[in-house]
Amino acid sequence: MQIKEVRAMESVQLQEELLKLRREQFNLRIQAATGQGARSDQPGKVRKDIARIKTVLRERRDDSTTGSET
């Protein structure tokens, strides 16, 4: 997922995507613990996607709080 795609999404969509990615991260962690992890590159990609989404959500939250103070 590219940052442009993330920024184009609505906040509600980002929340849903974040939930989906956290579930996927959990499943990958379980697969790795049980020795079924066939895709060793996926945990890093999922972690970075989660970070991108959280960053955009935080930026939006900060913009909305600073905009109301002025």
Protein backbone atom coordinates (compact mmCIF):
# COMPACT_ATOMS: atom_id res chain seq x y z
CA MET A 1 0.00 0.00 0.00
CA GLN A 2 1.42 3.35 -1.03
CA ILE A 3 1.11 6.53 1.02
CA LYS A 4 -0.89 8.17 -1.78
CA GLU A 5 -3.49 5.42 -1.50
CA VAL A 6 -3.67 5.86 2.26
CA ARG A 7 -4.07 9.65 2.06
CA ALA A 8 -6.88 9.23 -0.49
CA MET A 9 -8.96 7.14 1.91
CA GLU A 10 -11.54 8.52 4.33
CA SER A 11 -10.89 8.25 8.06
CA VAL A 12 -13.56 5.59 8.48
CA GLN A 13 -12.00 3.50 5.73
CA LEU A 14 -8.60 3.90 7.38
CA GLN A 15 -9.96 2.66 10.69
CA GLU A 16 -11.42 -0.41 8.97
CA GLU A 17 -8.18 -1.06 7.09
CA LEU A 18 -6.19 -0.69 10.30
CA LEU A 19 -8.38 -3.28 12.00
CA LYS A 20 -7.98 -5.64 9.05
CA LEU A 21 -4.20 -5.25 9.05
CA ARG A 22 -3.95 -5.85 12.79
CA ARG A 23 -5.90 -9.08 12.38
CA GLU A 24 -3.58 -10.10 9.55
CA GLN A 25 -0.55 -9.24 11.69
CA PHE A 26 -1.92 -11.42 14.48
CA ASN A 27 -2.53 -14.31 12.08
CA LEU A 28 0.99 -14.01 10.68
CA ARG A 29 2.40 -14.02 14.18
CA ILE A 30 0.47 -17.19 15.00
CA GLN A 31 1.60 -18.85 11.77
CA ALA A 32 5.22 -18.01 12.53
CA ALA A 33 4.90 -19.41 16.05
CA THR A 34 3.46 -22.67 14.77
CA GLY A 35 6.00 -23.00 11.99
CA GLN A 36 3.56 -22.41 9.14
CA GLY A 37 4.98 -19.07 8.00
CA ALA A 38 5.47 -19.48 4.26
CA ARG A 39 5.68 -15.75 3.50
CA SER A 40 8.52 -14.41 5.58
CA ASP A 41 8.36 -10.91 4.04
CA GLN A 42 4.70 -10.31 4.95
CA PRO A 43 5.08 -9.31 8.63
CA GLY A 44 7.33 -6.40 7.68
CA LYS A 45 4.98 -5.20 4.96
CA VAL A 46 1.97 -5.38 7.25
CA ARG A 47 3.82 -3.53 10.00
CA LYS A 48 4.78 -0.73 7.62
CA ASP A 49 1.21 -0.45 6.29
CA ILE A 50 -0.06 -0.15 9.87
CA ALA A 51 2.48 2.59 10.54
CA ARG A 52 1.43 4.48 7.39
CA ILE A 53 -2.23 4.39 8.36
CA LYS A 54 -1.55 5.42 11.95
CA THR A 55 0.61 8.32 10.73
CA VAL A 56 -2.10 9.65 8.42
CA LEU A 57 -4.76 9.31 11.13
CA ARG A 58 -2.53 11.18 13.60
CA GLU A 59 -1.84 13.93 11.06
CA ARG A 60 -5.54 14.37 10.44
CA ARG A 61 -6.27 14.45 14.15
CA ASP A 62 -3.53 17.03 14.75
CA ASP A 63 -4.75 19.18 11.86
CA SER A 64 -8.29 19.20 13.19
CA THR A 65 -7.24 20.12 16.73
CA THR A 66 -4.86 22.90 15.70
CA GLY A 67 -7.35 24.29 13.20
CA SER A 68 -10.01 24.85 15.86
CA GLU A 69 -7.66 26.76 18.19
CA THR A 70 -6.89 29.59 15.79
